[in-house]
Amino acid sequence: MSGIDAVKRGLRRELLAVRSRLTGDDAREAAAVLARRALLLPELAGARQVAAYVSVGGEPGTEALLEELRRRGTRVLLPVLLPDDDLDWAEYEGPASLAEVGRVGRLTLREPSGPRLGREAVTGVDAVLLPGLAADRAGRRLGRGGGSYDRVLARLAAAGADPVLLVLLHDHELLEEVPAEPHDRPVHVVLTPSGAHRVGGG
């Protein structure tokens, strides 16, 4: 393991430990505020298609945001985790369209049950909401380490696609600095309950 991998692993442990102590009320309040803030973002206001995800564990809740995006006519794509940890996509069609999928040694995920659209479907979206454990003001994002979204970001780059990249976090997860490697692609917006933090100060 490289030095930066060890630093990332230790930081992930610390952040997950803090998330594990959040109460259900904390999560619901953060989710409601984040949904309101996200829907006011100009980056999402004009988006016809958005790739998002269904929050799990201590992640800031996305359910209210997904439903509001769908209600206002935005096509929302949600990930389906494949056996090789890459992501396929399917359209979000409301809470009833989500199915719980358990995998050995992993969190139980809620995934869309509709037709699979293929791994390349993400290359046609206007914005991508990324899960994360932390980010800094330079847009460096720390994920869980599974590599699924690294593949998504590489696929976007290979296709010449340039959607807005946003990460949703709790306030304490916006850090001074997040360890990053050359292949790590920064996000454009870090959204927390306290507000939107744009890379470059925009």
Protein backbone atom coordinates (compact mmCIF):
# COMPACT_ATOMS: atom_id res chain seq x y z
CA MET A 1 0.00 0.00 0.00
CA SER A 2 1.38 3.43 -0.91
CA GLY A 3 1.66 6.21 1.64
CA ILE A 4 -1.27 8.10 0.18
CA ASP A 5 -3.42 4.94 0.23
CA ALA A 6 -2.67 4.53 3.93
CA VAL A 7 -3.60 8.16 4.61
CA LYS A 8 -6.86 7.76 2.68
CA ARG A 9 -7.71 4.55 4.52
CA GLY A 10 -7.15 6.16 7.92
CA LEU A 11 -9.21 9.20 6.97
CA ARG A 12 -12.04 6.97 5.73
CA ARG A 13 -12.10 5.15 9.08
CA GLU A 14 -12.33 8.44 10.99
CA LEU A 15 -15.09 9.85 8.79
CA LEU A 16 -17.16 6.67 8.84
CA ALA A 17 -16.87 6.55 12.64
CA VAL A 18 -18.32 10.07 12.87
CA ARG A 19 -21.13 9.19 10.46
CA SER A 20 -22.00 6.14 12.53
CA ARG A 21 -22.78 8.43 15.47
CA LEU A 22 -25.27 10.60 13.57
CA THR A 23 -28.87 10.18 14.70
CA GLY A 24 -31.86 9.60 12.48
CA ASP A 25 -33.02 13.15 13.24
CA ASP A 26 -29.61 14.50 12.16
CA ALA A 27 -29.88 12.61 8.88
CA ARG A 28 -33.44 13.74 8.14
CA GLU A 29 -32.66 17.38 8.87
CA ALA A 30 -29.51 17.33 6.71
CA ALA A 31 -31.40 15.63 3.86
CA ALA A 32 -34.18 18.23 3.87
CA VAL A 33 -31.74 21.17 3.88
CA LEU A 34 -29.56 19.61 1.18
CA ALA A 35 -32.55 18.97 -1.07
CA ARG A 36 -33.65 22.61 -0.77
CA ARG A 37 -30.16 23.92 -1.46
CA ALA A 38 -29.55 21.54 -4.36
CA LEU A 39 -32.78 22.50 -6.09
CA LEU A 40 -31.71 26.16 -6.04
CA LEU A 41 -28.38 25.46 -7.73
CA PRO A 42 -28.17 26.87 -11.26
CA GLU A 43 -26.12 23.78 -12.15
CA LEU A 44 -29.23 21.64 -11.58
CA ALA A 45 -31.92 24.12 -12.61
CA GLY A 46 -31.32 23.61 -16.32
CA ALA A 47 -30.31 19.96 -16.20
CA ARG A 48 -32.43 17.67 -18.37
CA GLN A 49 -30.72 14.50 -17.12
CA VAL A 50 -28.95 13.96 -13.81
CA ALA A 51 -27.05 10.91 -12.60
CA ALA A 52 -27.55 10.53 -8.86
CA TYR A 53 -27.61 7.79 -6.21
CA VAL A 54 -29.72 6.52 -3.33
CA SER A 55 -28.01 7.33 -0.05
CA VAL A 56 -27.09 4.54 2.37
CA GLY A 57 -25.82 4.41 5.93
CA GLY A 58 -24.70 7.79 7.25
CA GLU A 59 -24.57 9.45 3.83
CA PRO A 60 -26.49 12.71 3.54
CA GLY A 61 -29.95 11.65 2.43
CA THR A 62 -30.83 11.98 -1.24
CA GLU A 63 -34.40 10.64 -1.32
CA ALA A 64 -36.16 14.02 -1.11
CA LEU A 65 -33.86 15.45 -3.76
CA LEU A 66 -34.42 12.55 -6.15
CA GLU A 67 -38.17 12.91 -5.86
CA GLU A 68 -38.14 16.68 -6.34
CA LEU A 69 -35.93 16.40 -9.41
CA ARG A 70 -38.28 13.83 -10.90
CA ARG A 71 -41.34 15.95 -10.09
CA ARG A 72 -39.98 18.91 -11.97
CA GLY A 73 -39.32 16.85 -15.07
CA THR A 74 -35.63 16.03 -14.75
CA ARG A 75 -34.73 12.53 -15.89
CA VAL A 76 -32.80 10.92 -13.02
CA LEU A 77 -30.49 7.97 -13.59
CA LEU A 78 -29.48 5.79 -10.65
CA PRO A 79 -26.60 3.32 -10.44
CA VAL A 80 -26.79 -0.45 -10.42
CA LEU A 81 -23.67 -2.04 -8.96
CA LEU A 82 -22.24 -4.76 -11.20
CA PRO A 83 -20.23 -7.79 -10.04
CA ASP A 84 -16.98 -6.12 -11.17
CA ASP A 85 -17.83 -2.98 -9.12
CA ASP A 86 -18.55 -0.95 -12.26
CA LEU A 87 -21.92 0.79 -12.58
CA ASP A 88 -24.84 0.26 -14.93
CA TRP A 89 -27.73 2.76 -14.84
CA ALA A 90 -31.52 2.76 -14.80
CA GLU A 91 -34.12 5.50 -14.61
CA TYR A 92 -35.60 6.54 -11.27
CA GLU A 93 -39.40 6.21 -11.40
CA GLY A 94 -40.29 6.98 -7.82
CA PRO A 95 -39.68 5.37 -4.41
CA ALA A 96 -41.69 2.27 -5.35
CA SER A 97 -39.28 1.58 -8.21
CA LEU A 98 -36.37 0.95 -5.81
CA ALA A 99 -35.46 -2.57 -4.72
CA GLU A 100 -33.20 -3.54 -1.83
CA VAL A 101 -30.16 -5.47 -2.97
CA GLY A 102 -27.92 -7.12 -0.39
CA ARG A 103 -24.36 -8.15 -1.18
CA VAL A 104 -22.05 -10.15 1.07
CA GLY A 105 -19.79 -7.88 3.09
CA ARG A 106 -21.40 -4.68 1.80
CA LEU A 107 -24.11 -2.27 2.76
CA THR A 108 -27.55 -3.15 1.48
CA LEU A 109 -28.22 -0.90 -1.50
CA ARG A 110 -31.46 0.34 -2.95
CA GLU A 111 -31.29 0.17 -6.72
CA PRO A 112 -33.71 1.02 -9.53
CA SER A 113 -35.67 -1.97 -10.77
CA GLY A 114 -36.35 -0.68 -14.30
CA PRO A 115 -34.59 -1.57 -17.56
CA ARG A 116 -30.81 -1.31 -17.55
CA LEU A 117 -29.50 1.45 -19.78
CA GLY A 118 -25.86 0.37 -20.01
CA ARG A 119 -22.64 1.71 -18.52
CA GLU A 120 -22.37 4.44 -21.15
CA ALA A 121 -25.74 6.00 -20.25
CA VAL A 122 -23.98 8.30 -17.79
CA THR A 123 -22.13 10.03 -20.63
CA GLY A 124 -25.35 11.79 -21.69
CA VAL A 125 -26.19 13.53 -18.42
CA ASP A 126 -25.85 17.22 -17.59
CA ALA A 127 -24.84 16.72 -13.96
CA VAL A 128 -23.53 13.91 -11.77
CA LEU A 129 -24.20 13.75 -8.03
CA LEU A 130 -21.34 11.77 -6.50
CA PRO A 131 -21.28 10.09 -3.12
CA GLY A 132 -18.27 10.83 -0.97
CA LEU A 133 -16.86 10.85 2.53
CA ALA A 134 -15.11 14.21 2.29
CA ALA A 135 -13.93 16.90 -0.09
CA ASP A 136 -11.91 20.09 0.06
CA ARG A 137 -12.31 23.51 -1.51
CA ALA A 138 -10.11 22.48 -4.43
CA GLY A 139 -12.74 19.86 -5.31
CA ARG A 140 -10.69 16.84 -4.29
CA ARG A 141 -13.17 14.14 -3.25
CA LEU A 142 -12.57 11.15 -0.99
CA GLY A 143 -14.78 8.18 -1.86
CA ARG A 144 -15.19 4.87 -0.07
CA GLY A 145 -12.33 3.30 -2.01
CA GLY A 146 -14.27 0.83 -4.15
CA GLY A 147 -13.36 2.55 -7.40
CA SER A 148 -16.86 2.48 -8.94
CA TYR A 149 -17.01 6.23 -9.44
CA ASP A 150 -13.40 6.44 -10.58
CA ARG A 151 -14.55 4.27 -13.50
CA VAL A 152 -17.55 6.51 -14.11
CA LEU A 153 -15.34 9.62 -14.18
CA ALA A 154 -12.85 7.92 -16.49
CA ARG A 155 -15.74 6.92 -18.79
CA LEU A 156 -16.96 10.51 -18.90
CA ALA A 157 -13.48 11.75 -19.78
CA ALA A 158 -13.02 9.11 -22.49
CA ALA A 159 -16.34 10.14 -24.06
CA GLY A 160 -15.45 13.82 -24.00
CA ALA A 161 -18.44 14.42 -21.69
CA ASP A 162 -18.18 17.31 -19.24
CA PRO A 163 -21.18 17.27 -16.87
CA VAL A 164 -21.16 19.30 -13.68
CA LEU A 165 -19.81 17.13 -10.86
CA LEU A 166 -21.32 17.65 -7.41
CA VAL A 167 -20.67 15.89 -4.11
CA LEU A 168 -23.13 15.99 -1.19
CA LEU A 169 -21.58 16.04 2.29
CA HIS A 170 -22.20 16.89 5.92
CA ASP A 171 -20.70 20.22 6.99
CA HIS A 172 -17.84 18.65 8.95
CA GLU A 173 -16.77 16.68 5.86
CA LEU A 174 -15.62 19.78 3.98
CA LEU A 175 -11.94 19.62 4.91
CA GLU A 176 -8.92 21.85 4.44
CA GLU A 177 -7.24 19.22 2.31
CA VAL A 178 -8.10 15.78 0.99
CA PRO A 179 -5.30 13.45 -0.15
CA ALA A 180 -5.45 12.91 -3.91
CA GLU A 181 -3.63 11.05 -6.65
CA PRO A 182 -3.00 12.18 -10.24
CA HIS A 183 -5.96 10.19 -11.61
CA ASP A 184 -8.43 11.71 -9.13
CA ARG A 185 -10.81 14.07 -10.93
CA PRO A 186 -12.00 17.05 -8.89
CA VAL A 187 -15.65 17.97 -8.52
CA HIS A 188 -17.06 21.39 -9.41
CA VAL A 189 -19.39 21.87 -6.44
CA VAL A 190 -19.30 20.63 -2.85
CA LEU A 191 -22.79 20.92 -1.36
CA THR A 192 -23.30 20.82 2.41
CA PRO A 193 -26.22 21.95 4.57
CA SER A 194 -24.41 25.28 5.13
CA GLY A 195 -24.22 26.04 1.41
CA ALA A 196 -22.64 25.41 -1.98
CA HIS A 197 -18.86 25.63 -2.18
CA ARG A 198 -17.70 26.06 -5.76
CA VAL A 199 -14.20 25.14 -6.84
CA GLY A 200 -12.33 28.28 -7.74
CA GLY A 201 -14.68 30.36 -5.63
CA GLY A 202 -17.33 30.71 -8.38
